[in-house]
Amino acid sequence: MLLQERQSASDAEVIALVRGGDTAMYETLMRRYNQRLFRVIRSVVTDDGEAEDVLQEAWVRAYEHLNQFAGRASFAAWVTRIAFNEALSRERKNRRWTPIEDGEGELMPEANRKRAPETPEAQAMRGELGRMLRTAVDDLPQGYRSVFVLREVEQLSTSETAHCLDLSEEAVKTRLHRSRALLRRELQERAGSAIAEAYSFLGERCDRTVAAVLARIGAQPRA
């Protein structure tokens, strides 16, 4: 299949080819959704290198369970949920995860996580708006970050976000409202449209992840 045909093929068509043995076509799905998955993972795991590792694991897990994809939800929602759960699993293993709400749905004091140590790159770019926004989003409680990233950055609907995160639609609406309030308090309306530029996952980083996953599933990249 030519590059243009691969890019225009629907998810269902690509999945059918992969299931039929054309494993190299899996690259099409990865490149199509790498940025979304990285963003939702990064909303849980606040270290870029670790988030890349989780992204690889999520794609391998999705490939191993591809025959279980029944099409009841979109492939994008299905694989996003896998990535989110993989990120949660990693965070819990690292013992950094804490519940953010009590039994009545109120924010718990211990949910106010400490900011991760800044990398040299973060220090160098501290003055840029995109970096300030990313830091502000990182400081949100994890459950709020995940809802905020999927709704505001990835522009998923309330129902899609609820499906990806295994929440009720009402919980998604509540957490989005609270995350907006927390960000507004800190940034005072400075976020604007620049939030969509945070957590980019393009170029060399995308290529590196694609190559690593294809190697693990025994496929060769297409020319």
N, C-alpha and C. Protein backbone atom coordinates (compact mmCIF):
# COMPACT_ATOMS: atom_id res chain seq x y z
N MET A 1 0.85 -1.19 0.00
CA MET A 1 0.00 0.00 0.00
C MET A 1 0.88 1.24 0.00
N LEU A 2 0.60 2.20 -0.88
CA LEU A 2 1.37 3.41 -0.97
C LEU A 2 1.17 4.29 0.26
N LEU A 3 2.15 5.18 0.49
CA LEU A 3 2.10 6.05 1.67
C LEU A 3 0.79 6.82 1.73
N GLN A 4 0.37 7.41 0.62
CA GLN A 4 -0.86 8.19 0.61
C GLN A 4 -2.06 7.33 0.95
N GLU A 5 -2.07 6.11 0.44
CA GLU A 5 -3.18 5.19 0.73
C GLU A 5 -3.18 4.79 2.21
N ARG A 6 -1.98 4.58 2.77
CA ARG A 6 -1.90 4.22 4.18
C ARG A 6 -2.43 5.34 5.05
N GLN A 7 -2.07 6.57 4.72
CA GLN A 7 -2.49 7.72 5.51
C GLN A 7 -4.00 7.96 5.43
N SER A 8 -4.60 7.62 4.31
CA SER A 8 -6.03 7.87 4.13
C SER A 8 -6.90 6.69 4.56
N ALA A 9 -6.29 5.54 4.80
CA ALA A 9 -7.05 4.36 5.20
C ALA A 9 -7.69 4.58 6.56
N SER A 10 -8.89 4.06 6.74
CA SER A 10 -9.56 4.19 8.03
C SER A 10 -8.90 3.28 9.06
N ASP A 11 -9.16 3.55 10.32
CA ASP A 11 -8.62 2.69 11.38
C ASP A 11 -9.05 1.24 11.17
N ALA A 12 -10.32 1.04 10.81
CA ALA A 12 -10.83 -0.31 10.62
C ALA A 12 -10.07 -1.04 9.51
N GLU A 13 -9.77 -0.32 8.43
CA GLU A 13 -9.04 -0.93 7.32
C GLU A 13 -7.62 -1.30 7.73
N VAL A 14 -6.98 -0.41 8.47
CA VAL A 14 -5.62 -0.69 8.94
C VAL A 14 -5.61 -1.87 9.89
N ILE A 15 -6.56 -1.90 10.82
CA ILE A 15 -6.63 -2.98 11.80
C ILE A 15 -6.84 -4.31 11.09
N ALA A 16 -7.68 -4.33 10.08
CA ALA A 16 -7.92 -5.56 9.32
C ALA A 16 -6.64 -6.07 8.67
N LEU A 17 -5.84 -5.15 8.13
CA LEU A 17 -4.57 -5.54 7.51
C LEU A 17 -3.60 -6.08 8.55
N VAL A 18 -3.53 -5.44 9.70
CA VAL A 18 -2.63 -5.91 10.76
C VAL A 18 -3.07 -7.28 11.25
N ARG A 19 -4.35 -7.45 11.47
CA ARG A 19 -4.86 -8.75 11.90
C ARG A 19 -4.60 -9.83 10.85
N GLY A 20 -4.57 -9.41 9.59
CA GLY A 20 -4.32 -10.35 8.51
C GLY A 20 -2.86 -10.70 8.30
N GLY A 21 -1.98 -10.11 9.12
CA GLY A 21 -0.57 -10.47 9.05
C GLY A 21 0.35 -9.36 8.58
N ASP A 22 -0.21 -8.23 8.15
CA ASP A 22 0.62 -7.13 7.70
C ASP A 22 0.96 -6.26 8.90
N THR A 23 1.87 -6.77 9.75
CA THR A 23 2.15 -6.08 11.01
C THR A 23 2.79 -4.71 10.81
N ALA A 24 3.46 -4.52 9.68
CA ALA A 24 4.09 -3.22 9.44
C ALA A 24 3.06 -2.10 9.38
N MET A 25 1.81 -2.44 9.04
CA MET A 25 0.77 -1.41 8.98
C MET A 25 0.45 -0.84 10.35
N TYR A 26 0.91 -1.52 11.40
CA TYR A 26 0.68 -1.02 12.76
C TYR A 26 1.31 0.36 12.94
N GLU A 27 2.36 0.62 12.16
CA GLU A 27 3.01 1.93 12.21
C GLU A 27 2.02 3.05 11.90
N THR A 28 1.09 2.80 11.01
CA THR A 28 0.10 3.82 10.64
C THR A 28 -0.72 4.23 11.85
N LEU A 29 -1.13 3.25 12.64
CA LEU A 29 -1.92 3.56 13.83
C LEU A 29 -1.08 4.31 14.86
N MET A 30 0.16 3.89 15.02
CA MET A 30 1.01 4.55 16.00
C MET A 30 1.23 6.02 15.65
N ARG A 31 1.56 6.27 14.40
CA ARG A 31 1.81 7.65 14.00
C ARG A 31 0.52 8.49 14.06
N ARG A 32 -0.59 7.84 13.89
CA ARG A 32 -1.87 8.55 13.93
C ARG A 32 -2.23 8.98 15.35
N TYR A 33 -1.86 8.18 16.32
CA TYR A 33 -2.31 8.45 17.70
C TYR A 33 -1.19 8.61 18.72
N ASN A 34 0.06 8.63 18.28
CA ASN A 34 1.16 8.77 19.23
C ASN A 34 1.03 10.02 20.10
N GLN A 35 0.71 11.14 19.49
CA GLN A 35 0.66 12.37 20.27
C GLN A 35 -0.46 12.33 21.30
N ARG A 36 -1.63 11.83 20.92
CA ARG A 36 -2.73 11.75 21.89
C ARG A 36 -2.35 10.85 23.05
N LEU A 37 -1.79 9.67 22.75
CA LEU A 37 -1.45 8.73 23.81
C LEU A 37 -0.36 9.30 24.71
N PHE A 38 0.63 9.93 24.10
CA PHE A 38 1.69 10.51 24.92
C PHE A 38 1.11 11.56 25.86
N ARG A 39 0.19 12.36 25.36
CA ARG A 39 -0.39 13.40 26.20
C ARG A 39 -1.17 12.83 27.37
N VAL A 40 -1.96 11.80 27.13
CA VAL A 40 -2.74 11.25 28.25
C VAL A 40 -1.82 10.53 29.23
N ILE A 41 -0.77 9.87 28.73
CA ILE A 41 0.21 9.24 29.61
C ILE A 41 0.94 10.30 30.42
N ARG A 42 1.32 11.37 29.74
CA ARG A 42 2.08 12.44 30.40
C ARG A 42 1.24 13.15 31.44
N SER A 43 -0.08 13.05 31.34
CA SER A 43 -0.95 13.64 32.36
C SER A 43 -0.92 12.84 33.66
N VAL A 44 -0.41 11.61 33.59
CA VAL A 44 -0.29 10.75 34.77
C VAL A 44 1.16 10.65 35.21
N VAL A 45 2.04 10.37 34.24
CA VAL A 45 3.47 10.19 34.51
C VAL A 45 4.17 11.47 34.09
N THR A 46 4.67 12.24 35.05
CA THR A 46 5.15 13.58 34.73
C THR A 46 6.64 13.64 34.45
N ASP A 47 7.20 12.55 33.95
CA ASP A 47 8.58 12.53 33.47
C ASP A 47 8.55 12.11 32.01
N ASP A 48 9.15 12.90 31.14
CA ASP A 48 9.07 12.63 29.70
C ASP A 48 9.64 11.28 29.32
N GLY A 49 10.82 10.93 29.86
CA GLY A 49 11.44 9.66 29.52
C GLY A 49 10.60 8.48 29.94
N GLU A 50 10.05 8.55 31.14
CA GLU A 50 9.20 7.46 31.62
C GLU A 50 7.91 7.39 30.82
N ALA A 51 7.40 8.55 30.43
CA ALA A 51 6.18 8.56 29.62
C ALA A 51 6.41 7.88 28.27
N GLU A 52 7.59 8.07 27.68
CA GLU A 52 7.91 7.38 26.43
C GLU A 52 7.94 5.87 26.63
N ASP A 53 8.52 5.42 27.76
CA ASP A 53 8.55 3.98 28.07
C ASP A 53 7.13 3.43 28.17
N VAL A 54 6.27 4.17 28.87
CA VAL A 54 4.88 3.73 29.04
C VAL A 54 4.17 3.70 27.69
N LEU A 55 4.47 4.67 26.83
CA LEU A 55 3.86 4.70 25.50
C LEU A 55 4.21 3.44 24.72
N GLN A 56 5.47 3.04 24.77
CA GLN A 56 5.87 1.81 24.09
C GLN A 56 5.10 0.62 24.63
N GLU A 57 5.02 0.51 25.96
CA GLU A 57 4.31 -0.61 26.58
C GLU A 57 2.85 -0.63 26.18
N ALA A 58 2.24 0.57 26.11
CA ALA A 58 0.83 0.65 25.75
C ALA A 58 0.60 0.16 24.32
N TRP A 59 1.48 0.53 23.39
CA TRP A 59 1.32 0.08 22.01
C TRP A 59 1.56 -1.42 21.88
N VAL A 60 2.52 -1.94 22.61
CA VAL A 60 2.75 -3.39 22.57
C VAL A 60 1.55 -4.13 23.14
N ARG A 61 1.02 -3.63 24.25
CA ARG A 61 -0.15 -4.27 24.87
C ARG A 61 -1.36 -4.21 23.92
N ALA A 62 -1.55 -3.07 23.28
CA ALA A 62 -2.66 -2.94 22.34
C ALA A 62 -2.50 -3.92 21.18
N TYR A 63 -1.28 -4.08 20.69
CA TYR A 63 -1.04 -5.03 19.59
C TYR A 63 -1.34 -6.45 20.05
N GLU A 64 -0.91 -6.81 21.24
CA GLU A 64 -1.13 -8.17 21.76
C GLU A 64 -2.61 -8.47 21.95
N HIS A 65 -3.42 -7.45 22.16
CA HIS A 65 -4.85 -7.63 22.40
C HIS A 65 -5.70 -7.10 21.24
N LEU A 66 -5.07 -6.90 20.10
CA LEU A 66 -5.80 -6.29 18.99
C LEU A 66 -7.00 -7.13 18.56
N ASN A 67 -6.91 -8.43 18.65
CA ASN A 67 -8.03 -9.29 18.27
C ASN A 67 -9.23 -9.14 19.21
N GLN A 68 -8.99 -8.53 20.38
CA GLN A 68 -10.09 -8.30 21.33
C GLN A 68 -10.82 -6.99 21.06
N PHE A 69 -10.28 -6.18 20.17
CA PHE A 69 -10.96 -4.93 19.82
C PHE A 69 -12.20 -5.26 19.01
N ALA A 70 -13.37 -4.96 19.60
CA ALA A 70 -14.63 -5.36 18.99
C ALA A 70 -15.32 -4.22 18.25
N GLY A 71 -14.79 -3.03 18.33
CA GLY A 71 -15.39 -1.91 17.61
C GLY A 71 -16.58 -1.29 18.29
N ARG A 72 -16.85 -1.64 19.56
CA ARG A 72 -17.98 -1.01 20.25
C ARG A 72 -17.71 0.47 20.51
N ALA A 73 -16.45 0.80 20.74
CA ALA A 73 -16.01 2.19 20.80
C ALA A 73 -15.01 2.38 19.67
N SER A 74 -14.60 3.61 19.42
CA SER A 74 -13.61 3.84 18.38
C SER A 74 -12.27 3.25 18.80
N PHE A 75 -11.42 2.93 17.82
CA PHE A 75 -10.09 2.44 18.14
C PHE A 75 -9.33 3.47 18.96
N ALA A 76 -9.50 4.74 18.62
CA ALA A 76 -8.81 5.81 19.34
C ALA A 76 -9.15 5.78 20.83
N ALA A 77 -10.44 5.63 21.14
CA ALA A 77 -10.86 5.57 22.54
C ALA A 77 -10.33 4.30 23.20
N TRP A 78 -10.37 3.19 22.48
CA TRP A 78 -9.91 1.90 23.02
C TRP A 78 -8.43 1.95 23.38
N VAL A 79 -7.61 2.45 22.47
CA VAL A 79 -6.17 2.46 22.72
C VAL A 79 -5.80 3.55 23.73
N THR A 80 -6.57 4.63 23.78
CA THR A 80 -6.32 5.67 24.78
C THR A 80 -6.57 5.12 26.17
N ARG A 81 -7.60 4.32 26.30
CA ARG A 81 -7.89 3.73 27.61
C ARG A 81 -6.78 2.77 28.03
N ILE A 82 -6.25 2.00 27.10
CA ILE A 82 -5.12 1.12 27.40
C ILE A 82 -3.93 1.94 27.88
N ALA A 83 -3.63 3.03 27.18
CA ALA A 83 -2.50 3.87 27.54
C ALA A 83 -2.69 4.50 28.93
N PHE A 84 -3.89 4.96 29.20
CA PHE A 84 -4.18 5.57 30.50
C PHE A 84 -4.00 4.55 31.62
N ASN A 85 -4.53 3.35 31.43
CA ASN A 85 -4.41 2.32 32.46
C ASN A 85 -2.96 1.89 32.64
N GLU A 86 -2.19 1.84 31.56
CA GLU A 86 -0.78 1.50 31.65
C GLU A 86 -0.03 2.57 32.45
N ALA A 87 -0.38 3.84 32.22
CA ALA A 87 0.25 4.93 32.96
C ALA A 87 -0.11 4.87 34.44
N LEU A 88 -1.37 4.60 34.75
CA LEU A 88 -1.78 4.47 36.14
C LEU A 88 -1.03 3.33 36.82
N SER A 89 -0.89 2.21 36.13
CA SER A 89 -0.17 1.06 36.67
C SER A 89 1.27 1.43 37.00
N ARG A 90 1.92 2.14 36.08
CA ARG A 90 3.31 2.55 36.31
C ARG A 90 3.40 3.50 37.50
N GLU A 91 2.48 4.44 37.58
CA GLU A 91 2.52 5.42 38.66
C GLU A 91 2.29 4.75 40.01
N ARG A 92 1.40 3.78 40.06
CA ARG A 92 1.14 3.10 41.32
C ARG A 92 2.34 2.25 41.74
N LYS A 93 3.00 1.63 40.77
CA LYS A 93 4.20 0.85 41.08
C LYS A 93 5.29 1.75 41.65
N ASN A 94 5.33 2.99 41.17
CA ASN A 94 6.32 3.94 41.67
C ASN A 94 5.90 4.60 42.99
N ARG A 95 4.70 4.22 43.45
CA ARG A 95 4.19 4.68 44.74
C ARG A 95 4.05 6.20 44.80
N ARG A 96 3.73 6.80 43.67
CA ARG A 96 3.49 8.24 43.68
C ARG A 96 2.00 8.56 43.55
N TRP A 97 1.17 7.52 43.36
CA TRP A 97 -0.26 7.76 43.14
C TRP A 97 -0.98 7.84 44.47
N THR A 98 -1.88 8.83 44.61
CA THR A 98 -2.73 8.94 45.79
C THR A 98 -4.13 9.28 45.32
N PRO A 99 -5.16 8.82 46.06
CA PRO A 99 -6.53 9.19 45.68
C PRO A 99 -6.70 10.69 45.78
N ILE A 100 -7.52 11.27 44.88
CA ILE A 100 -7.68 12.72 44.88
C ILE A 100 -9.00 13.17 45.49
N GLU A 101 -9.92 12.24 45.73
CA GLU A 101 -11.21 12.61 46.28
C GLU A 101 -11.61 11.66 47.39
N ASP A 102 -12.37 12.17 48.35
CA ASP A 102 -12.88 11.31 49.41
C ASP A 102 -14.16 10.63 48.94
N GLY A 103 -14.82 9.91 49.83
CA GLY A 103 -16.01 9.16 49.46
C GLY A 103 -17.16 10.02 48.99
N GLU A 104 -17.13 11.31 49.31
CA GLU A 104 -18.19 12.21 48.91
C GLU A 104 -17.80 13.06 47.70
N GLY A 105 -16.64 12.74 47.10
CA GLY A 105 -16.23 13.44 45.90
C GLY A 105 -15.51 14.75 46.14
N GLU A 106 -15.13 15.03 47.41
CA GLU A 106 -14.42 16.27 47.71
C GLU A 106 -12.91 16.06 47.58
N LEU A 107 -12.21 17.11 47.12
CA LEU A 107 -10.77 17.05 46.93
C LEU A 107 -10.08 16.85 48.28
N MET A 108 -9.19 15.84 48.34
CA MET A 108 -8.46 15.55 49.56
C MET A 108 -7.19 16.40 49.63
N PRO A 109 -6.80 16.89 50.81
CA PRO A 109 -5.61 17.75 50.92
C PRO A 109 -4.35 17.10 50.38
N GLU A 110 -4.19 15.79 50.62
CA GLU A 110 -2.98 15.12 50.17
C GLU A 110 -2.91 14.95 48.66
N ALA A 111 -4.00 15.29 47.97
CA ALA A 111 -3.99 15.18 46.51
C ALA A 111 -3.19 16.30 45.86
N ASN A 112 -2.85 17.33 46.60
CA ASN A 112 -2.05 18.41 46.05
C ASN A 112 -0.61 17.96 45.97
N ARG A 113 -0.26 17.38 44.83
CA ARG A 113 1.04 16.76 44.65
C ARG A 113 2.14 17.80 44.56
N LYS A 114 3.35 17.38 44.94
CA LYS A 114 4.50 18.25 44.79
C LYS A 114 4.98 18.23 43.35
N ARG A 115 5.50 19.34 42.92
CA ARG A 115 6.02 19.43 41.57
C ARG A 115 7.28 18.60 41.44
N ALA A 116 7.39 17.85 40.34
CA ALA A 116 8.59 17.07 40.10
C ALA A 116 9.78 17.99 39.87
N PRO A 117 11.00 17.55 40.25
CA PRO A 117 12.18 18.39 40.03
C PRO A 117 12.30 18.79 38.57
N GLU A 118 12.66 20.04 38.32
CA GLU A 118 12.78 20.52 36.95
C GLU A 118 14.03 19.97 36.28
N THR A 119 13.90 19.62 35.05
CA THR A 119 15.04 19.20 34.25
C THR A 119 15.76 20.44 33.75
N PRO A 120 17.01 20.31 33.29
CA PRO A 120 17.70 21.46 32.71
C PRO A 120 16.93 22.08 31.55
N GLU A 121 16.27 21.21 30.76
CA GLU A 121 15.49 21.74 29.64
C GLU A 121 14.33 22.60 30.13
N ALA A 122 13.67 22.12 31.20
CA ALA A 122 12.55 22.89 31.74
C ALA A 122 13.02 24.22 32.30
N GLN A 123 14.19 24.22 32.96
CA GLN A 123 14.73 25.46 33.50
C GLN A 123 15.05 26.45 32.38
N ALA A 124 15.62 25.93 31.29
CA ALA A 124 16.00 26.81 30.18
C ALA A 124 14.79 27.43 29.51
N MET A 125 13.66 26.71 29.51
CA MET A 125 12.48 27.20 28.79
C MET A 125 11.42 27.75 29.74
N ARG A 126 11.82 28.01 30.98
CA ARG A 126 10.86 28.43 32.00
C ARG A 126 10.14 29.71 31.59
N GLY A 127 10.83 30.57 30.85
CA GLY A 127 10.23 31.84 30.47
C GLY A 127 9.17 31.75 29.40
N GLU A 128 9.08 30.61 28.72
CA GLU A 128 8.12 30.49 27.63
C GLU A 128 6.74 30.12 28.15
N LEU A 129 5.74 30.67 27.51
CA LEU A 129 4.36 30.43 27.95
C LEU A 129 4.00 28.96 27.91
N GLY A 130 4.43 28.27 26.84
CA GLY A 130 4.10 26.85 26.76
C GLY A 130 4.62 26.06 27.93
N ARG A 131 5.83 26.37 28.39
CA ARG A 131 6.41 25.67 29.53
C ARG A 131 5.66 26.01 30.81
N MET A 132 5.26 27.26 30.96
CA MET A 132 4.50 27.64 32.14
C MET A 132 3.16 26.91 32.19
N LEU A 133 2.55 26.78 31.04
CA LEU A 133 1.27 26.08 30.99
C LEU A 133 1.45 24.62 31.35
N ARG A 134 2.49 24.01 30.79
CA ARG A 134 2.74 22.61 31.06
C ARG A 134 2.99 22.39 32.54
N THR A 135 3.75 23.27 33.16
CA THR A 135 4.01 23.16 34.59
C THR A 135 2.72 23.30 35.39
N ALA A 136 1.88 24.24 34.98
CA ALA A 136 0.61 24.45 35.67
C ALA A 136 -0.28 23.23 35.56
N VAL A 137 -0.32 22.62 34.40
CA VAL A 137 -1.13 21.42 34.23
C VAL A 137 -0.55 20.27 35.05
N ASP A 138 0.78 20.16 35.10
CA ASP A 138 1.42 19.12 35.91
C ASP A 138 1.03 19.22 37.38
N ASP A 139 0.79 20.44 37.85
CA ASP A 139 0.48 20.67 39.26
C ASP A 139 -0.96 20.35 39.61
N LEU A 140 -1.78 20.07 38.62
CA LEU A 140 -3.15 19.64 38.91
C LEU A 140 -3.12 18.24 39.52
N PRO A 141 -4.08 17.91 40.39
CA PRO A 141 -4.20 16.52 40.84
C PRO A 141 -4.35 15.59 39.64
N GLN A 142 -3.80 14.39 39.74
CA GLN A 142 -3.70 13.50 38.57
C GLN A 142 -5.04 13.27 37.87
N GLY A 143 -6.08 12.98 38.62
CA GLY A 143 -7.37 12.71 37.99
C GLY A 143 -7.92 13.91 37.24
N TYR A 144 -7.63 15.11 37.74
CA TYR A 144 -8.05 16.31 37.05
C TYR A 144 -7.19 16.54 35.81
N ARG A 145 -5.88 16.27 35.91
CA ARG A 145 -5.00 16.44 34.75
C ARG A 145 -5.48 15.59 33.59
N SER A 146 -5.80 14.32 33.86
CA SER A 146 -6.19 13.41 32.78
C SER A 146 -7.46 13.89 32.09
N VAL A 147 -8.44 14.32 32.87
CA VAL A 147 -9.67 14.85 32.28
C VAL A 147 -9.38 16.11 31.49
N PHE A 148 -8.57 17.00 32.05
CA PHE A 148 -8.27 18.26 31.37
C PHE A 148 -7.55 18.02 30.05
N VAL A 149 -6.57 17.13 30.04
CA VAL A 149 -5.80 16.88 28.82
C VAL A 149 -6.70 16.30 27.72
N LEU A 150 -7.54 15.33 28.07
CA LEU A 150 -8.39 14.71 27.05
C LEU A 150 -9.47 15.68 26.54
N ARG A 151 -10.04 16.46 27.45
CA ARG A 151 -11.13 17.35 27.02
C ARG A 151 -10.60 18.63 26.34
N GLU A 152 -9.60 19.27 26.96
CA GLU A 152 -9.16 20.58 26.48
C GLU A 152 -8.03 20.50 25.46
N VAL A 153 -7.13 19.56 25.63
CA VAL A 153 -6.00 19.46 24.70
C VAL A 153 -6.36 18.58 23.51
N GLU A 154 -6.88 17.38 23.80
CA GLU A 154 -7.23 16.45 22.72
C GLU A 154 -8.62 16.68 22.16
N GLN A 155 -9.42 17.51 22.82
CA GLN A 155 -10.75 17.89 22.34
C GLN A 155 -11.70 16.69 22.23
N LEU A 156 -11.55 15.71 23.13
CA LEU A 156 -12.50 14.60 23.17
C LEU A 156 -13.81 15.09 23.78
N SER A 157 -14.89 14.43 23.44
CA SER A 157 -16.18 14.77 24.02
C SER A 157 -16.24 14.25 25.46
N THR A 158 -17.26 14.69 26.19
CA THR A 158 -17.44 14.22 27.55
C THR A 158 -17.62 12.70 27.59
N SER A 159 -18.42 12.17 26.68
CA SER A 159 -18.66 10.73 26.68
C SER A 159 -17.41 9.94 26.32
N GLU A 160 -16.62 10.44 25.36
CA GLU A 160 -15.38 9.77 24.99
C GLU A 160 -14.40 9.77 26.16
N THR A 161 -14.29 10.91 26.83
CA THR A 161 -13.40 11.02 27.98
C THR A 161 -13.84 10.08 29.09
N ALA A 162 -15.12 10.02 29.34
CA ALA A 162 -15.65 9.11 30.36
C ALA A 162 -15.30 7.67 30.04
N HIS A 163 -15.41 7.30 28.77
CA HIS A 163 -15.09 5.93 28.37
C HIS A 163 -13.60 5.65 28.56
N CYS A 164 -12.75 6.57 28.12
CA CYS A 164 -11.30 6.38 28.21
C CYS A 164 -10.82 6.23 29.65
N LEU A 165 -11.41 7.01 30.57
CA LEU A 165 -10.94 7.04 31.95
C LEU A 165 -11.80 6.21 32.89
N ASP A 166 -12.82 5.55 32.35
CA ASP A 166 -13.70 4.71 33.15
C ASP A 166 -14.38 5.54 34.25
N LEU A 167 -14.91 6.68 33.86
CA LEU A 167 -15.62 7.57 34.78
C LEU A 167 -17.04 7.78 34.27
N SER A 168 -17.89 8.30 35.12
CA SER A 168 -19.21 8.73 34.66
C SER A 168 -19.07 10.07 33.95
N GLU A 169 -20.02 10.39 33.09
CA GLU A 169 -19.97 11.67 32.40
C GLU A 169 -20.08 12.82 33.39
N GLU A 170 -20.85 12.62 34.46
CA GLU A 170 -20.98 13.67 35.47
C GLU A 170 -19.65 13.92 36.17
N ALA A 171 -18.91 12.84 36.43
CA ALA A 171 -17.59 13.00 37.07
C ALA A 171 -16.64 13.75 36.15
N VAL A 172 -16.71 13.47 34.85
CA VAL A 172 -15.86 14.18 33.89
C VAL A 172 -16.18 15.67 33.91
N LYS A 173 -17.46 16.01 33.89
CA LYS A 173 -17.86 17.42 33.91
C LYS A 173 -17.39 18.11 35.18
N THR A 174 -17.53 17.42 36.31
CA THR A 174 -17.14 18.01 37.59
C THR A 174 -15.64 18.24 37.65
N ARG A 175 -14.87 17.23 37.22
CA ARG A 175 -13.41 17.35 37.29
C ARG A 175 -12.89 18.40 36.30
N LEU A 176 -13.53 18.48 35.14
CA LEU A 176 -13.11 19.51 34.18
C LEU A 176 -13.37 20.90 34.75
N HIS A 177 -14.52 21.08 35.37
CA HIS A 177 -14.85 22.37 35.97
C HIS A 177 -13.84 22.74 37.05
N ARG A 178 -13.49 21.78 37.89
CA ARG A 178 -12.54 22.05 38.97
C ARG A 178 -11.14 22.28 38.44
N SER A 179 -10.74 21.53 37.41
CA SER A 179 -9.40 21.73 36.86
C SER A 179 -9.28 23.11 36.23
N ARG A 180 -10.33 23.55 35.56
CA ARG A 180 -10.32 24.89 34.97
C ARG A 180 -10.18 25.96 36.06
N ALA A 181 -10.90 25.75 37.16
CA ALA A 181 -10.85 26.73 38.25
C ALA A 181 -9.45 26.79 38.85
N LEU A 182 -8.82 25.63 39.04
CA LEU A 182 -7.47 25.60 39.60
C LEU A 182 -6.46 26.27 38.68
N LEU A 183 -6.58 25.98 37.38
CA LEU A 183 -5.66 26.60 36.42
C LEU A 183 -5.89 28.10 36.32
N ARG A 184 -7.14 28.50 36.32
CA ARG A 184 -7.46 29.93 36.21
C ARG A 184 -6.88 30.70 37.40
N ARG A 185 -6.96 30.08 38.55
CA ARG A 185 -6.44 30.72 39.75
C ARG A 185 -4.94 30.94 39.62
N GLU A 186 -4.23 29.98 39.07
CA GLU A 186 -2.77 30.08 38.99
C GLU A 186 -2.31 30.91 37.80
N LEU A 187 -2.96 30.74 36.67
CA LEU A 187 -2.48 31.39 35.45
C LEU A 187 -3.18 32.70 35.13
N GLN A 188 -4.35 32.93 35.73
CA GLN A 188 -5.11 34.15 35.50
C GLN A 188 -5.30 34.42 34.01
N GLU A 189 -5.91 33.43 33.39
CA GLU A 189 -6.30 33.54 31.99
C GLU A 189 -5.14 33.54 31.00
N ARG A 190 -3.94 33.12 31.43
CA ARG A 190 -2.80 33.16 30.51
C ARG A 190 -2.71 31.94 29.59
N ALA A 191 -3.52 30.93 29.83
CA ALA A 191 -3.39 29.69 29.07
C ALA A 191 -3.73 29.91 27.60
N GLY A 192 -4.98 30.28 27.32
CA GLY A 192 -5.39 30.52 25.94
C GLY A 192 -5.15 29.33 25.03
N SER A 193 -4.95 29.61 23.77
CA SER A 193 -4.79 28.54 22.78
C SER A 193 -3.45 27.86 22.85
N ALA A 194 -2.47 28.44 23.58
CA ALA A 194 -1.13 27.85 23.62
C ALA A 194 -1.11 26.51 24.33
N ILE A 195 -2.17 26.16 25.11
CA ILE A 195 -2.17 24.89 25.82
C ILE A 195 -2.06 23.71 24.86
N ALA A 196 -2.58 23.86 23.64
CA ALA A 196 -2.53 22.75 22.68
C ALA A 196 -1.11 22.44 22.24
N GLU A 197 -0.16 23.37 22.47
CA GLU A 197 1.21 23.13 22.07
C GLU A 197 2.01 22.39 23.13
N ALA A 198 1.43 22.23 24.32
CA ALA A 198 2.13 21.51 25.37
C ALA A 198 2.14 20.02 25.08
N TYR A 199 3.15 19.32 25.60
CA TYR A 199 3.26 17.87 25.46
C TYR A 199 3.33 17.42 24.01
N SER A 200 4.03 18.14 23.17
CA SER A 200 4.16 17.72 21.78
C SER A 200 4.98 16.45 21.69
N PHE A 201 4.66 15.63 20.71
CA PHE A 201 5.35 14.35 20.55
C PHE A 201 5.48 14.08 19.06
N LEU A 202 6.44 14.75 18.46
CA LEU A 202 6.58 14.69 17.02
C LEU A 202 8.03 14.37 16.65
N GLY A 203 8.29 14.27 15.35
CA GLY A 203 9.65 14.14 14.84
C GLY A 203 10.41 12.96 15.40
N GLU A 204 11.61 13.21 15.89
CA GLU A 204 12.52 12.15 16.32
C GLU A 204 11.93 11.30 17.44
N ARG A 205 11.21 11.93 18.36
CA ARG A 205 10.65 11.16 19.48
C ARG A 205 9.60 10.18 18.98
N CYS A 206 8.77 10.63 18.05
CA CYS A 206 7.76 9.74 17.47
C CYS A 206 8.43 8.62 16.70
N ASP A 207 9.44 8.96 15.90
CA ASP A 207 10.15 7.94 15.12
C ASP A 207 10.78 6.89 16.04
N ARG A 208 11.36 7.35 17.14
CA ARG A 208 12.02 6.44 18.07
C ARG A 208 11.04 5.44 18.68
N THR A 209 9.88 5.93 19.07
CA THR A 209 8.87 5.05 19.66
C THR A 209 8.34 4.05 18.63
N VAL A 210 8.05 4.53 17.41
CA VAL A 210 7.56 3.65 16.35
C VAL A 210 8.57 2.55 16.07
N ALA A 211 9.84 2.90 15.93
CA ALA A 211 10.87 1.90 15.64
C ALA A 211 10.99 0.88 16.76
N ALA A 212 10.93 1.34 18.01
CA ALA A 212 11.06 0.43 19.14
C ALA A 212 9.89 -0.55 19.22
N VAL A 213 8.68 -0.05 19.01
CA VAL A 213 7.50 -0.92 19.08
C VAL A 213 7.50 -1.93 17.93
N LEU A 214 7.82 -1.47 16.72
CA LEU A 214 7.86 -2.39 15.57
C LEU A 214 8.89 -3.49 15.79
N ALA A 215 10.02 -3.14 16.39
CA ALA A 215 11.03 -4.16 16.68
C ALA A 215 10.51 -5.18 17.68
N ARG A 216 9.76 -4.71 18.66
CA ARG A 216 9.25 -5.62 19.69
C ARG A 216 8.17 -6.54 19.18
N ILE A 217 7.40 -6.08 18.17
CA ILE A 217 6.33 -6.95 17.65
C ILE A 217 6.79 -7.70 16.39
N GLY A 218 8.07 -7.54 16.04
CA GLY A 218 8.63 -8.29 14.93
C GLY A 218 8.24 -7.79 13.56
N ALA A 219 8.05 -6.49 13.42
CA ALA A 219 7.68 -5.92 12.11
C ALA A 219 8.78 -5.00 11.63
N GLN A 220 8.89 -4.84 10.34
CA GLN A 220 9.85 -3.94 9.72
C GLN A 220 9.14 -2.66 9.29
N PRO A 221 9.75 -1.49 9.56
CA PRO A 221 9.12 -0.24 9.09
C PRO A 221 8.97 -0.23 7.59
N ARG A 222 7.90 0.39 7.11
CA ARG A 222 7.70 0.52 5.67
C ARG A 222 8.55 1.65 5.13
N ALA A 223 8.91 1.55 3.88
CA ALA A 223 9.71 2.62 3.24
C ALA A 223 8.86 3.86 3.08
